[in-house]
Amino acid sequence: MTHKLKLGWKASAEQFGPRQLLDFAVLAEQLGFESAWISDHFQPWRHTDGHAPFSMAWLAAVGERTQRMTLGTSVLTPTFRYHPSVVAHAFATLGVMYPDRIVLGVGTGESMNEAPVIGIDWPESRERFRRLSEAVKLMRRLWTEEFVQHEGEYYHVKGATVYDRPDEPVPIYVAAAGEVAARFAGRQAEGFICTSGKGMELYRDKLLPAVREGAAAARRDYEAIEKMIEVKVSYDSDRERALADCRIWAALALPADEKVDVHNPNDIEELARTVQNPERRWLVSTDPEEHVEQIAPYLELGFTHLVFHHPGDDQAAFLRLYAEQILPRLRERWG
């Protein structure tokens, strides 16, 4: 099984309130975007004009207002402020309500969304990964078994049943910025998620080979795993506006080690002010042919599901422009 090209939209939950974001998602489906993905954050990367709507409530609302598009989290952490049983329960209900449209995208998490919320010290990466691995296995059991008993390293379940669940378990996609999680995606997940703008050698030489290795170790078909990438695009008819829009998301250009122990959105916002050239994480263009060539390397590496994240405040204008000028060109060449 190989996946056909899918083109989606990233719902900027840190930038817009839930109702506005919902209206954008409805418009995105009308314009031909095939999926919508929301991050599951308790706090945004900036306090000023920041937002952080609750992803699972939002997905249910979007499911009611749309008919076709795939809906998912990119990504949710099912290991700290949520017990994996609660996530399994929520996504089983979403899967029943919107069959074959819901995807659970998961990751090991960010300290600012977990540590201050439940008052923990942020664990090192090995523990975070082990928690994620155990959570994924537990959620799958809850979707397929009754009276689940689980005595794990981190989670304990004593005879739990999820009563409303879809005929087919909700697909799980695993986000990875490094090889350990990418191998895990290859071994266990229906899909793999990463984000653009970190240098092509990371995807070509590390992440995708690690997914392949994981699949081979588990005797799974690498081609059957959906490879999804959030592509950061500042595409506009006005180049100066396209460049200026990137400043809103300057925190994305901060090194990971600078952000890991910062829990206050005010502090992250202050750090982001020091970022030079925030546009370096974005594909900036005003020309459709140039922009398609900017995107092409990701498609040529084998990514099959592109989710476009635009930094500007006028998302409706972006969606219309992109649907008119970019989506048809991508589908004509790779679809």
Foldseek 3Di string as FASTA:
>chain_A
DFFAFAEAAEQAQQQDPLVVSLVLLLLLVVLPHAAYEYEQAPHHLADVNTGHDHQLVSLVVSLVSDQGHAYEYPAAACFAPHPLVVVLLSVQVVCLSRPPRYAHEYELDACLRGCVVVPDDDDDPVVSVVRRLVSLVVSVCQQPHFQDADDDPRDGGGGHHNDRGDPDHHFYEYEDPFLVSLLVRLQRGLEYEYEFLPDVCCVQPTRLVSSVNSVVVNVHDSSRYAYEYEAEAQEDLDQVQSQVLLLQVLLVVDDPVVRRPDNDSNVSNVVSVPRDRSCSSYHGDHDLVVSCVVVVVVVVSPHRYYYYYHRHPPSSVVSNVCSVRHPVVCSVVRD
